[in-house]
Amino acid sequence: MTAYTINFDPVCKMTDEQFYQLCRKNPDIKFERNAKGEIIIMSPTGGETGNQNIETAGDFVIWNRQEKLGKLFDSSTCFKLPNGANRSPDVSWIKQERWDALTIEEKRKFPPIAPDFV
């Protein structure tokens, strides 16, 4: 998988809302952002990786349905991490009480929370 990193700092300092809108306006491109504010464009995965990802996610779905301890998220979910980065792990899980502590708006956009498991 190839990732391209772009530093927009010489042109503009992108706010969280601007990054959110960039992602919404370009749904076919997977953007992430590192702690330095650089935009990372992620390429799609290959067949083997995609298969491994779905198998792993499926295992977590079954576990979470049985245990009912939290919320699961797929690779399309972008989280605003404490260091300022915006990342989309292949699969992630957040304890229910931590998820419930977020506002509706925080849950709707890029949740400002580091998952308990990625």
PDB file of N, CA and C in Angstrom:
ATOM      1  N   MET A   1       0.842  -1.168   0.000  1.00  0.00           N
ATOM      2  CA  MET A   1       0.000   0.000   0.000  1.00  0.00           C
ATOM      3  C   MET A   1       0.892   1.238   0.000  1.00  0.00           C
ATOM      4  N   THR A   2       0.578   2.189  -0.839  1.00  0.00           N
ATOM      5  CA  THR A   2       1.333   3.429  -0.942  1.00  0.00           C
ATOM      6  C   THR A   2       0.532   4.563  -0.313  1.00  0.00           C
ATOM      7  N   ALA A   3       1.211   5.414   0.428  1.00  0.00           N
ATOM      8  CA  ALA A   3       0.586   6.596   1.009  1.00  0.00           C
ATOM      9  C   ALA A   3       1.371   7.815   0.545  1.00  0.00           C
ATOM     10  N   TYR A   4       0.662   8.875   0.245  1.00  0.00           N
ATOM     11  CA  TYR A   4       1.289  10.136  -0.161  1.00  0.00           C
ATOM     12  C   TYR A   4       0.999  11.176   0.907  1.00  0.00           C
ATOM     13  N   THR A   5       2.032  11.919   1.303  1.00  0.00           N
ATOM     14  CA  THR A   5       1.891  12.937   2.337  1.00  0.00           C
ATOM     15  C   THR A   5       2.069  14.314   1.708  1.00  0.00           C
ATOM     16  N   ILE A   6       1.129  15.206   2.030  1.00  0.00           N
ATOM     17  CA  ILE A   6       1.162  16.572   1.494  1.00  0.00           C
ATOM     18  C   ILE A   6       1.149  17.545   2.664  1.00  0.00           C
ATOM     19  N   ASN A   7       2.076  18.494   2.657  1.00  0.00           N
ATOM     20  CA  ASN A   7       2.141  19.524   3.686  1.00  0.00           C
ATOM     21  C   ASN A   7       1.562  20.816   3.115  1.00  0.00           C
ATOM     22  N   PHE A   8       0.387  21.215   3.620  1.00  0.00           N
ATOM     23  CA  PHE A   8      -0.267  22.432   3.160  1.00  0.00           C
ATOM     24  C   PHE A   8       0.122  23.658   3.984  1.00  0.00           C
ATOM     25  N   ASP A   9       0.961  23.487   5.012  1.00  0.00           N
ATOM     26  CA  ASP A   9       1.299  24.601   5.894  1.00  0.00           C
ATOM     27  C   ASP A   9       1.796  25.856   5.175  1.00  0.00           C
ATOM     28  N   PRO A  10       2.611  25.733   4.108  1.00  0.00           N
ATOM     29  CA  PRO A  10       3.035  26.963   3.432  1.00  0.00           C
ATOM     30  C   PRO A  10       1.869  27.745   2.828  1.00  0.00           C
ATOM     31  N   VAL A  11       0.767  27.064   2.553  1.00  0.00           N
ATOM     32  CA  VAL A  11      -0.390  27.703   1.920  1.00  0.00           C
ATOM     33  C   VAL A  11      -1.453  28.063   2.954  1.00  0.00           C
ATOM     34  N   CYS A  12      -1.771  27.099   3.834  1.00  0.00           N
ATOM     35  CA  CYS A  12      -2.799  27.340   4.844  1.00  0.00           C
ATOM     36  C   CYS A  12      -2.676  26.318   5.966  1.00  0.00           C
ATOM     37  N   LYS A  13      -3.145  26.684   7.125  1.00  0.00           N
ATOM     38  CA  LYS A  13      -3.225  25.774   8.269  1.00  0.00           C
ATOM     39  C   LYS A  13      -4.669  25.273   8.304  1.00  0.00           C
ATOM     40  N   MET A  14      -4.880  24.002   7.974  1.00  0.00           N
ATOM     41  CA  MET A  14      -6.225  23.452   7.848  1.00  0.00           C
ATOM     42  C   MET A  14      -6.837  23.198   9.225  1.00  0.00           C
ATOM     43  N   THR A  15      -8.024  23.748   9.446  1.00  0.00           N
ATOM     44  CA  THR A  15      -8.737  23.524  10.696  1.00  0.00           C
ATOM     45  C   THR A  15      -9.382  22.136  10.674  1.00  0.00           C
ATOM     46  N   ASP A  16      -9.864  21.703  11.830  1.00  0.00           N
ATOM     47  CA  ASP A  16     -10.573  20.426  11.908  1.00  0.00           C
ATOM     48  C   ASP A  16     -11.795  20.432  11.001  1.00  0.00           C
ATOM     49  N   GLU A  17     -12.530  21.528  10.997  1.00  0.00           N
ATOM     50  CA  GLU A  17     -13.730  21.620  10.157  1.00  0.00           C
ATOM     51  C   GLU A  17     -13.356  21.586   8.668  1.00  0.00           C
ATOM     52  N   GLN A  18     -12.298  22.269   8.280  1.00  0.00           N
ATOM     53  CA  GLN A  18     -11.861  22.242   6.884  1.00  0.00           C
ATOM     54  C   GLN A  18     -11.433  20.835   6.475  1.00  0.00           C
ATOM     55  N   PHE A  19     -10.734  20.132   7.360  1.00  0.00           N
ATOM     56  CA  PHE A  19     -10.340  18.755   7.053  1.00  0.00           C
ATOM     57  C   PHE A  19     -11.577  17.874   6.912  1.00  0.00           C
ATOM     58  N   TYR A  20     -12.529  18.044   7.797  1.00  0.00           N
ATOM     59  CA  TYR A  20     -13.781  17.278   7.723  1.00  0.00           C
ATOM     60  C   TYR A  20     -14.481  17.537   6.386  1.00  0.00           C
ATOM     61  N   GLN A  21     -14.565  18.786   5.974  1.00  0.00           N
ATOM     62  CA  GLN A  21     -15.219  19.135   4.705  1.00  0.00           C
ATOM     63  C   GLN A  21     -14.437  18.600   3.504  1.00  0.00           C
ATOM     64  N   LEU A  22     -13.114  18.632   3.564  1.00  0.00           N
ATOM     65  CA  LEU A  22     -12.288  18.062   2.496  1.00  0.00           C
ATOM     66  C   LEU A  22     -12.621  16.584   2.318  1.00  0.00           C
ATOM     67  N   CYS A  23     -12.722  15.861   3.420  1.00  0.00           N
ATOM     68  CA  CYS A  23     -13.061  14.437   3.363  1.00  0.00           C
ATOM     69  C   CYS A  23     -14.465  14.217   2.817  1.00  0.00           C
ATOM     70  N   ARG A  24     -15.421  15.036   3.230  1.00  0.00           N
ATOM     71  CA  ARG A  24     -16.814  14.892   2.781  1.00  0.00           C
ATOM     72  C   ARG A  24     -16.966  15.194   1.285  1.00  0.00           C
ATOM     73  N   LYS A  25     -16.204  16.166   0.803  1.00  0.00           N
ATOM     74  CA  LYS A  25     -16.306  16.569  -0.601  1.00  0.00           C
ATOM     75  C   LYS A  25     -15.557  15.638  -1.544  1.00  0.00           C
ATOM     76  N   ASN A  26     -14.739  14.762  -0.991  1.00  0.00           N
ATOM     77  CA  ASN A  26     -13.942  13.816  -1.791  1.00  0.00           C
ATOM     78  C   ASN A  26     -14.096  12.405  -1.230  1.00  0.00           C
ATOM     79  N   PRO A  27     -15.303  11.847  -1.268  1.00  0.00           N
ATOM     80  CA  PRO A  27     -15.550  10.557  -0.605  1.00  0.00           C
ATOM     81  C   PRO A  27     -14.801   9.373  -1.213  1.00  0.00           C
ATOM     82  N   ASP A  28     -14.295   9.507  -2.425  1.00  0.00           N
ATOM     83  CA  ASP A  28     -13.577   8.405  -3.056  1.00  0.00           C
ATOM     84  C   ASP A  28     -12.091   8.364  -2.698  1.00  0.00           C
ATOM     85  N   ILE A  29     -11.648   9.355  -1.921  1.00  0.00           N
ATOM     86  CA  ILE A  29     -10.244   9.420  -1.517  1.00  0.00           C
ATOM     87  C   ILE A  29     -10.171   9.226  -0.009  1.00  0.00           C
ATOM     88  N   LYS A  30      -9.285   8.341   0.434  1.00  0.00           N
ATOM     89  CA  LYS A  30      -9.127   8.104   1.870  1.00  0.00           C
ATOM     90  C   LYS A  30      -8.030   9.019   2.400  1.00  0.00           C
ATOM     91  N   PHE A  31      -8.456  10.054   3.125  1.00  0.00           N
ATOM     92  CA  PHE A  31      -7.523  10.996   3.730  1.00  0.00           C
ATOM     93  C   PHE A  31      -7.303  10.651   5.197  1.00  0.00           C
ATOM     94  N   GLU A  32      -6.085  10.856   5.659  1.00  0.00           N
ATOM     95  CA  GLU A  32      -5.765  10.868   7.073  1.00  0.00           C
ATOM     96  C   GLU A  32      -4.922  12.121   7.289  1.00  0.00           C
ATOM     97  N   ARG A  33      -4.668  12.438   8.541  1.00  0.00           N
ATOM     98  CA  ARG A  33      -3.839  13.611   8.850  1.00  0.00           C
ATOM     99  C   ARG A  33      -2.950  13.242  10.030  1.00  0.00           C
ATOM    100  N   ASN A  34      -1.651  13.534   9.915  1.00  0.00           N
ATOM    101  CA  ASN A  34      -0.745  13.204  11.013  1.00  0.00           C
ATOM    102  C   ASN A  34      -0.713  14.336  12.033  1.00  0.00           C
ATOM    103  N   ALA A  35       0.037  14.142  13.133  1.00  0.00           N
ATOM    104  CA  ALA A  35       0.078  15.115  14.214  1.00  0.00           C
ATOM    105  C   ALA A  35       0.684  16.454  13.783  1.00  0.00           C
ATOM    106  N   LYS A  36       1.456  16.452  12.693  1.00  0.00           N
ATOM    107  CA  LYS A  36       2.028  17.708  12.179  1.00  0.00           C
ATOM    108  C   LYS A  36       1.055  18.453  11.277  1.00  0.00           C
ATOM    109  N   GLY A  37      -0.124  17.862  11.034  1.00  0.00           N
ATOM    110  CA  GLY A  37      -1.125  18.505  10.183  1.00  0.00           C
ATOM    111  C   GLY A  37      -0.983  18.170   8.710  1.00  0.00           C
ATOM    112  N   GLU A  38      -0.032  17.297   8.370  1.00  0.00           N
ATOM    113  CA  GLU A  38       0.154  16.908   6.974  1.00  0.00           C
ATOM    114  C   GLU A  38      -0.963  15.959   6.556  1.00  0.00           C
ATOM    115  N   ILE A  39      -1.450  16.136   5.341  1.00  0.00           N
ATOM    116  CA  ILE A  39      -2.514  15.293   4.801  1.00  0.00           C
ATOM    117  C   ILE A  39      -1.883  14.043   4.199  1.00  0.00           C
ATOM    118  N   ILE A  40      -2.443  12.896   4.528  1.00  0.00           N
ATOM    119  CA  ILE A  40      -1.965  11.619   4.009  1.00  0.00           C
ATOM    120  C   ILE A  40      -3.061  11.027   3.134  1.00  0.00           C
ATOM    121  N   ILE A  41      -2.713  10.716   1.893  1.00  0.00           N
ATOM    122  CA  ILE A  41      -3.649  10.083   0.972  1.00  0.00           C
ATOM    123  C   ILE A  41      -3.285   8.605   0.923  1.00  0.00           C
ATOM    124  N   MET A  42      -4.231   7.770   1.347  1.00  0.00           N
ATOM    125  CA  MET A  42      -4.011   6.330   1.441  1.00  0.00           C
ATOM    126  C   MET A  42      -4.514   5.638   0.172  1.00  0.00           C
ATOM    127  N   SER A  43      -3.760   4.669  -0.305  1.00  0.00           N
ATOM    128  CA  SER A  43      -4.203   3.909  -1.469  1.00  0.00           C
ATOM    129  C   SER A  43      -5.108   2.766  -1.005  1.00  0.00           C
ATOM    130  N   PRO A  44      -5.904   2.213  -1.913  1.00  0.00           N
ATOM    131  CA  PRO A  44      -6.716   1.046  -1.549  1.00  0.00           C
ATOM    132  C   PRO A  44      -5.821  -0.149  -1.224  1.00  0.00           C
ATOM    133  N   THR A  45      -6.373  -1.111  -0.499  1.00  0.00           N
ATOM    134  CA  THR A  45      -5.625  -2.316  -0.185  1.00  0.00           C
ATOM    135  C   THR A  45      -5.723  -3.306  -1.337  1.00  0.00           C
ATOM    136  N   GLY A  46      -4.838  -4.286  -1.334  1.00  0.00           N
ATOM    137  CA  GLY A  46      -4.914  -5.376  -2.298  1.00  0.00           C
ATOM    138  C   GLY A  46      -5.867  -6.450  -1.810  1.00  0.00           C
ATOM    139  N   GLY A  47      -6.047  -7.470  -2.596  1.00  0.00           N
ATOM    140  CA  GLY A  47      -6.995  -8.527  -2.283  1.00  0.00           C
ATOM    141  C   GLY A  47      -6.680  -9.289  -1.014  1.00  0.00           C
ATOM    142  N   GLU A  48      -5.409  -9.680  -0.830  1.00  0.00           N
ATOM    143  CA  GLU A  48      -5.035 -10.426   0.373  1.00  0.00           C
ATOM    144  C   GLU A  48      -5.275  -9.601   1.633  1.00  0.00           C
ATOM    145  N   THR A  49      -4.848  -8.348   1.610  1.00  0.00           N
ATOM    146  CA  THR A  49      -5.040  -7.483   2.775  1.00  0.00           C
ATOM    147  C   THR A  49      -6.524  -7.243   3.037  1.00  0.00           C
ATOM    148  N   GLY A  50      -7.285  -6.989   1.987  1.00  0.00           N
ATOM    149  CA  GLY A  50      -8.721  -6.783   2.147  1.00  0.00           C
ATOM    150  C   GLY A  50      -9.403  -7.981   2.756  1.00  0.00           C
ATOM    151  N   ASN A  51      -8.998  -9.178   2.334  1.00  0.00           N
ATOM    152  CA  ASN A  51      -9.568 -10.401   2.890  1.00  0.00           C
ATOM    153  C   ASN A  51      -9.201 -10.559   4.361  1.00  0.00           C
ATOM    154  N   GLN A  52      -7.951 -10.325   4.700  1.00  0.00           N
ATOM    155  CA  GLN A  52      -7.520 -10.416   6.098  1.00  0.00           C
ATOM    156  C   GLN A  52      -8.256  -9.395   6.961  1.00  0.00           C
ATOM    157  N   ASN A  53      -8.436  -8.190   6.433  1.00  0.00           N
ATOM    158  CA  ASN A  53      -9.136  -7.141   7.185  1.00  0.00           C
ATOM    159  C   ASN A  53     -10.577  -7.532   7.488  1.00  0.00           C
ATOM    160  N   ILE A  54     -11.290  -8.067   6.499  1.00  0.00           N
ATOM    161  CA  ILE A  54     -12.697  -8.414   6.715  1.00  0.00           C
ATOM    162  C   ILE A  54     -12.828  -9.602   7.652  1.00  0.00           C
ATOM    163  N   GLU A  55     -11.903 -10.562   7.568  1.00  0.00           N
ATOM    164  CA  GLU A  55     -11.926 -11.702   8.488  1.00  0.00           C
ATOM    165  C   GLU A  55     -11.709 -11.230   9.929  1.00  0.00           C
ATOM    166  N   THR A  56     -10.750 -10.348  10.120  1.00  0.00           N
ATOM    167  CA  THR A  56     -10.484  -9.805  11.452  1.00  0.00           C
ATOM    168  C   THR A  56     -11.685  -9.009  11.964  1.00  0.00           C
ATOM    169  N   ALA A  57     -12.230  -8.161  11.112  1.00  0.00           N
ATOM    170  CA  ALA A  57     -13.403  -7.368  11.509  1.00  0.00           C
ATOM    171  C   ALA A  57     -14.573  -8.271  11.866  1.00  0.00           C
ATOM    172  N   GLY A  58     -14.783  -9.318  11.091  1.00  0.00           N
ATOM    173  CA  GLY A  58     -15.870 -10.260  11.368  1.00  0.00           C
ATOM    174  C   GLY A  58     -15.723 -10.914  12.735  1.00  0.00           C
ATOM    175  N   ASP A  59     -14.503 -11.298  13.086  1.00  0.00           N
ATOM    176  CA  ASP A  59     -14.261 -11.877  14.410  1.00  0.00           C
ATOM    177  C   ASP A  59     -14.640 -10.897  15.513  1.00  0.00           C
ATOM    178  N   PHE A  60     -14.294  -9.624  15.307  1.00  0.00           N
ATOM    179  CA  PHE A  60     -14.616  -8.623  16.323  1.00  0.00           C
ATOM    180  C   PHE A  60     -16.112  -8.336  16.405  1.00  0.00           C
ATOM    181  N   VAL A  61     -16.798  -8.377  15.286  1.00  0.00           N
ATOM    182  CA  VAL A  61     -18.252  -8.193  15.294  1.00  0.00           C
ATOM    183  C   VAL A  61     -18.907  -9.290  16.130  1.00  0.00           C
ATOM    184  N   ILE A  62     -18.514 -10.526  15.897  1.00  0.00           N
ATOM    185  CA  ILE A  62     -19.085 -11.652  16.661  1.00  0.00           C
ATOM    186  C   ILE A  62     -18.785 -11.484  18.148  1.00  0.00           C
ATOM    187  N   TRP A  63     -17.541 -11.172  18.485  1.00  0.00           N
ATOM    188  CA  TRP A  63     -17.158 -10.976  19.888  1.00  0.00           C
ATOM    189  C   TRP A  63     -17.973  -9.852  20.518  1.00  0.00           C
ATOM    190  N   ASN A  64     -18.085  -8.716  19.819  1.00  0.00           N
ATOM    191  CA  ASN A  64     -18.778  -7.560  20.384  1.00  0.00           C
ATOM    192  C   ASN A  64     -20.277  -7.828  20.551  1.00  0.00           C
ATOM    193  N   ARG A  65     -20.875  -8.567  19.656  1.00  0.00           N
ATOM    194  CA  ARG A  65     -22.292  -8.918  19.794  1.00  0.00           C
ATOM    195  C   ARG A  65     -22.526  -9.797  21.016  1.00  0.00           C
ATOM    196  N   GLN A  66     -21.569 -10.665  21.314  1.00  0.00           N
ATOM    197  CA  GLN A  66     -21.695 -11.540  22.477  1.00  0.00           C
ATOM    198  C   GLN A  66     -21.442 -10.792  23.783  1.00  0.00           C
ATOM    199  N   GLU A  67     -20.415  -9.972  23.806  1.00  0.00           N
ATOM    200  CA  GLU A  67     -19.999  -9.303  25.041  1.00  0.00           C
ATOM    201  C   GLU A  67     -20.758  -8.002  25.329  1.00  0.00           C
ATOM    202  N   LYS A  68     -21.147  -7.284  24.273  1.00  0.00           N
ATOM    203  CA  LYS A  68     -21.891  -6.014  24.407  1.00  0.00           C
ATOM    204  C   LYS A  68     -21.196  -5.020  25.343  1.00  0.00           C
ATOM    205  N   LEU A  69     -19.910  -4.845  25.125  1.00  0.00           N
ATOM    206  CA  LEU A  69     -19.118  -3.968  25.988  1.00  0.00           C
ATOM    207  C   LEU A  69     -18.770  -2.623  25.352  1.00  0.00           C
ATOM    208  N   GLY A  70     -19.047  -2.470  24.057  1.00  0.00           N
ATOM    209  CA  GLY A  70     -18.661  -1.226  23.412  1.00  0.00           C
ATOM    210  C   GLY A  70     -19.127  -1.144  21.978  1.00  0.00           C
ATOM    211  N   LYS A  71     -18.487  -0.244  21.243  1.00  0.00           N
ATOM    212  CA  LYS A  71     -18.829   0.013  19.844  1.00  0.00           C
ATOM    213  C   LYS A  71     -17.642  -0.332  18.954  1.00  0.00           C
ATOM    214  N   LEU A  72     -17.944  -0.955  17.821  1.00  0.00           N
ATOM    215  CA  LEU A  72     -16.941  -1.290  16.810  1.00  0.00           C
ATOM    216  C   LEU A  72     -17.033  -0.313  15.644  1.00  0.00           C
ATOM    217  N   PHE A  73     -15.909  -0.095  14.976  1.00  0.00           N
ATOM    218  CA  PHE A  73     -15.858   0.818  13.840  1.00  0.00           C
ATOM    219  C   PHE A  73     -15.014   0.217  12.724  1.00  0.00           C
ATOM    220  N   ASP A  74     -15.403   0.499  11.488  1.00  0.00           N
ATOM    221  CA  ASP A  74     -14.670  -0.028  10.340  1.00  0.00           C
ATOM    222  C   ASP A  74     -13.595   0.954   9.884  1.00  0.00           C
ATOM    223  N   SER A  75     -12.925   0.607   8.811  1.00  0.00           N
ATOM    224  CA  SER A  75     -11.805   1.411   8.322  1.00  0.00           C
ATOM    225  C   SER A  75     -12.221   2.748   7.728  1.00  0.00           C
ATOM    226  N   SER A  76     -13.502   2.977   7.552  1.00  0.00           N
ATOM    227  CA  SER A  76     -13.968   4.255   7.034  1.00  0.00           C
ATOM    228  C   SER A  76     -14.126   5.305   8.137  1.00  0.00           C
ATOM    229  N   THR A  77     -14.022   4.886   9.396  1.00  0.00           N
ATOM    230  CA  THR A  77     -14.195   5.809  10.514  1.00  0.00           C
ATOM    231  C   THR A  77     -12.891   6.520  10.819  1.00  0.00           C
ATOM    232  N   CYS A  78     -12.955   7.838  10.838  1.00  0.00           N
ATOM    233  CA  CYS A  78     -11.785   8.662  11.134  1.00  0.00           C
ATOM    234  C   CYS A  78     -11.925   9.214  12.552  1.00  0.00           C
ATOM    235  N   PHE A  79     -10.881   9.067  13.358  1.00  0.00           N
ATOM    236  CA  PHE A  79     -10.879   9.558  14.727  1.00  0.00           C
ATOM    237  C   PHE A  79      -9.916  10.726  14.865  1.00  0.00           C
ATOM    238  N   LYS A  80     -10.323  11.744  15.633  1.00  0.00           N
ATOM    239  CA  LYS A  80      -9.446  12.867  15.981  1.00  0.00           C
ATOM    240  C   LYS A  80      -8.718  12.462  17.259  1.00  0.00           C
ATOM    241  N   LEU A  81      -7.435  12.169  17.159  1.00  0.00           N
ATOM    242  CA  LEU A  81      -6.656  11.668  18.282  1.00  0.00           C
ATOM    243  C   LEU A  81      -6.132  12.809  19.164  1.00  0.00           C
ATOM    244  N   PRO A  82      -5.787  12.520  20.405  1.00  0.00           N
ATOM    245  CA  PRO A  82      -5.297  13.565  21.320  1.00  0.00           C
ATOM    246  C   PRO A  82      -4.084  14.334  20.808  1.00  0.00           C
ATOM    247  N   ASN A  83      -3.240  13.711  19.982  1.00  0.00           N
ATOM    248  CA  ASN A  83      -2.054  14.409  19.458  1.00  0.00           C
ATOM    249  C   ASN A  83      -2.383  15.287  18.248  1.00  0.00           C
ATOM    250  N   GLY A  84      -3.665  15.356  17.867  1.00  0.00           N
ATOM    251  CA  GLY A  84      -4.083  16.196  16.746  1.00  0.00           C
ATOM    252  C   GLY A  84      -4.222  15.457  15.430  1.00  0.00           C
ATOM    253  N   ALA A  85      -3.749  14.221  15.364  1.00  0.00           N
ATOM    254  CA  ALA A  85      -3.848  13.445  14.124  1.00  0.00           C
ATOM    255  C   ALA A  85      -5.276  12.959  13.893  1.00  0.00           C
ATOM    256  N   ASN A  86      -5.603  12.722  12.651  1.00  0.00           N
ATOM    257  CA  ASN A  86      -6.873  12.104  12.249  1.00  0.00           C
ATOM    258  C   ASN A  86      -6.519  10.787  11.579  1.00  0.00           C
ATOM    259  N   ARG A  87      -6.925   9.675  12.191  1.00  0.00           N
ATOM    260  CA  ARG A  87      -6.556   8.364  11.669  1.00  0.00           C
ATOM    261  C   ARG A  87      -7.760   7.454  11.534  1.00  0.00           C
ATOM    262  N   SER A  88      -7.650   6.520  10.580  1.00  0.00           N
ATOM    263  CA  SER A  88      -8.717   5.554  10.282  1.00  0.00           C
ATOM    264  C   SER A  88      -8.139   4.143  10.351  1.00  0.00           C
ATOM    265  N   PRO A  89      -8.155   3.531  11.527  1.00  0.00           N
ATOM    266  CA  PRO A  89      -7.624   2.166  11.632  1.00  0.00           C
ATOM    267  C   PRO A  89      -8.509   1.160  10.902  1.00  0.00           C
ATOM    268  N   ASP A  90      -7.947   0.008  10.545  1.00  0.00           N
ATOM    269  CA  ASP A  90      -8.705  -1.009   9.811  1.00  0.00           C
ATOM    270  C   ASP A  90      -9.933  -1.465  10.585  1.00  0.00           C
ATOM    271  N   VAL A  91      -9.796  -1.657  11.880  1.00  0.00           N
ATOM    272  CA  VAL A  91     -10.914  -1.996  12.769  1.00  0.00           C
ATOM    273  C   VAL A  91     -10.579  -1.381  14.117  1.00  0.00           C
ATOM    274  N   SER A  92     -11.582  -0.868  14.813  1.00  0.00           N
ATOM    275  CA  SER A  92     -11.337  -0.275  16.127  1.00  0.00           C
ATOM    276  C   SER A  92     -12.540  -0.497  17.029  1.00  0.00           C
ATOM    277  N   TRP A  93     -12.278  -0.371  18.328  1.00  0.00           N
ATOM    278  CA  TRP A  93     -13.306  -0.619  19.339  1.00  0.00           C
ATOM    279  C   TRP A  93     -13.148   0.388  20.458  1.00  0.00           C
ATOM    280  N   ILE A  94     -14.296   0.898  20.947  1.00  0.00           N
ATOM    281  CA  ILE A  94     -14.319   1.857  22.047  1.00  0.00           C
ATOM    282  C   ILE A  94     -15.268   1.337  23.118  1.00  0.00           C
ATOM    283  N   LYS A  95     -14.830   1.385  24.387  1.00  0.00           N
ATOM    284  CA  LYS A  95     -15.692   0.992  25.499  1.00  0.00           C
ATOM    285  C   LYS A  95     -16.970   1.820  25.466  1.00  0.00           C
ATOM    286  N   GLN A  96     -18.084   1.182  25.760  1.00  0.00           N
ATOM    287  CA  GLN A  96     -19.390   1.831  25.672  1.00  0.00           C
ATOM    288  C   GLN A  96     -19.459   3.122  26.490  1.00  0.00           C
ATOM    289  N   GLU A  97     -18.953   3.106  27.728  1.00  0.00           N
ATOM    290  CA  GLU A  97     -19.061   4.301  28.576  1.00  0.00           C
ATOM    291  C   GLU A  97     -18.263   5.476  28.015  1.00  0.00           C
ATOM    292  N   ARG A  98     -17.152   5.205  27.353  1.00  0.00           N
ATOM    293  CA  ARG A  98     -16.371   6.286  26.731  1.00  0.00           C
ATOM    294  C   ARG A  98     -17.104   6.837  25.516  1.00  0.00           C
ATOM    295  N   TRP A  99     -17.716   5.940  24.726  1.00  0.00           N
ATOM    296  CA  TRP A  99     -18.492   6.373  23.560  1.00  0.00           C
ATOM    297  C   TRP A  99     -19.693   7.208  23.996  1.00  0.00           C
ATOM    298  N   ASP A 100     -20.382   6.752  25.046  1.00  0.00           N
ATOM    299  CA  ASP A 100     -21.568   7.455  25.539  1.00  0.00           C
ATOM    300  C   ASP A 100     -21.243   8.840  26.077  1.00  0.00           C
ATOM    301  N   ALA A 101     -19.991   9.077  26.486  1.00  0.00           N
ATOM    302  CA  ALA A 101     -19.588  10.373  27.017  1.00  0.00           C
ATOM    303  C   ALA A 101     -19.440  11.438  25.926  1.00  0.00           C
ATOM    304  N   LEU A 102     -19.390  11.027  24.664  1.00  0.00           N
ATOM    305  CA  LEU A 102     -19.272  11.984  23.562  1.00  0.00           C
ATOM    306  C   LEU A 102     -20.626  12.616  23.265  1.00  0.00           C
ATOM    307  N   THR A 103     -20.594  13.831  22.737  1.00  0.00           N
ATOM    308  CA  THR A 103     -21.829  14.491  22.326  1.00  0.00           C
ATOM    309  C   THR A 103     -22.303  13.906  20.996  1.00  0.00           C
ATOM    310  N   ILE A 104     -23.529  14.194  20.649  1.00  0.00           N
ATOM    311  CA  ILE A 104     -24.076  13.734  19.360  1.00  0.00           C
ATOM    312  C   ILE A 104     -23.233  14.280  18.215  1.00  0.00           C
ATOM    313  N   GLU A 105     -22.845  15.541  18.293  1.00  0.00           N
ATOM    314  CA  GLU A 105     -22.028  16.168  17.242  1.00  0.00           C
ATOM    315  C   GLU A 105     -20.657  15.488  17.137  1.00  0.00           C
ATOM    316  N   GLU A 106     -20.050  15.167  18.268  1.00  0.00           N
ATOM    317  CA  GLU A 106     -18.745  14.499  18.257  1.00  0.00           C
ATOM    318  C   GLU A 106     -18.847  13.112  17.630  1.00  0.00           C
ATOM    319  N   LYS A 107     -19.938  12.422  17.881  1.00  0.00           N
ATOM    320  CA  LYS A 107     -20.145  11.095  17.299  1.00  0.00           C
ATOM    321  C   LYS A 107     -20.416  11.190  15.798  1.00  0.00           C
ATOM    322  N   ARG A 108     -21.070  12.258  15.365  1.00  0.00           N
ATOM    323  CA  ARG A 108     -21.466  12.412  13.963  1.00  0.00           C
ATOM    324  C   ARG A 108     -20.269  12.720  13.062  1.00  0.00           C
ATOM    325  N   LYS A 109     -19.353  13.536  13.531  1.00  0.00           N
ATOM    326  CA  LYS A 109     -18.191  13.909  12.713  1.00  0.00           C
ATOM    327  C   LYS A 109     -17.055  12.925  12.973  1.00  0.00           C
ATOM    328  N   PHE A 110     -15.847  13.418  13.136  1.00  0.00           N
ATOM    329  CA  PHE A 110     -14.704  12.563  13.449  1.00  0.00           C
ATOM    330  C   PHE A 110     -14.566  12.549  14.966  1.00  0.00           C
ATOM    331  N   PRO A 111     -14.968  11.462  15.611  1.00  0.00           N
ATOM    332  CA  PRO A 111     -14.981  11.431  17.069  1.00  0.00           C
ATOM    333  C   PRO A 111     -13.618  11.784  17.674  1.00  0.00           C
ATOM    334  N   PRO A 112     -13.605  12.729  18.617  1.00  0.00           N
ATOM    335  CA  PRO A 112     -12.349  13.134  19.257  1.00  0.00           C
ATOM    336  C   PRO A 112     -11.989  12.180  20.403  1.00  0.00           C
ATOM    337  N   ILE A 113     -11.587  10.986  20.024  1.00  0.00           N
ATOM    338  CA  ILE A 113     -11.308   9.947  21.005  1.00  0.00           C
ATOM    339  C   ILE A 113     -10.346   8.932  20.398  1.00  0.00           C
ATOM    340  N   ALA A 114      -9.437   8.449  21.211  1.00  0.00           N
ATOM    341  CA  ALA A 114      -8.547   7.379  20.768  1.00  0.00           C
ATOM    342  C   ALA A 114      -9.235   6.057  21.098  1.00  0.00           C
ATOM    343  N   PRO A 115      -9.421   5.187  20.124  1.00  0.00           N
ATOM    344  CA  PRO A 115     -10.052   3.896  20.401  1.00  0.00           C
ATOM    345  C   PRO A 115      -9.275   3.111  21.455  1.00  0.00           C
ATOM    346  N   ASP A 116     -10.008   2.258  22.175  1.00  0.00           N
ATOM    347  CA  ASP A 116      -9.375   1.393  23.173  1.00  0.00           C
ATOM    348  C   ASP A 116      -8.619   0.249  22.508  1.00  0.00           C
ATOM    349  N   PHE A 117      -9.035  -0.108  21.297  1.00  0.00           N
ATOM    350  CA  PHE A 117      -8.369  -1.171  20.554  1.00  0.00           C
ATOM    351  C   PHE A 117      -8.375  -0.806  19.077  1.00  0.00           C
ATOM    352  N   VAL A 118      -7.240  -1.012  18.421  1.00  0.00           N
ATOM    353  CA  VAL A 118      -7.155  -0.847  16.958  1.00  0.00           C
ATOM    354  C   VAL A 118      -6.430  -2.044  16.368  1.00  0.00           C
TER     355      VAL A 118
END
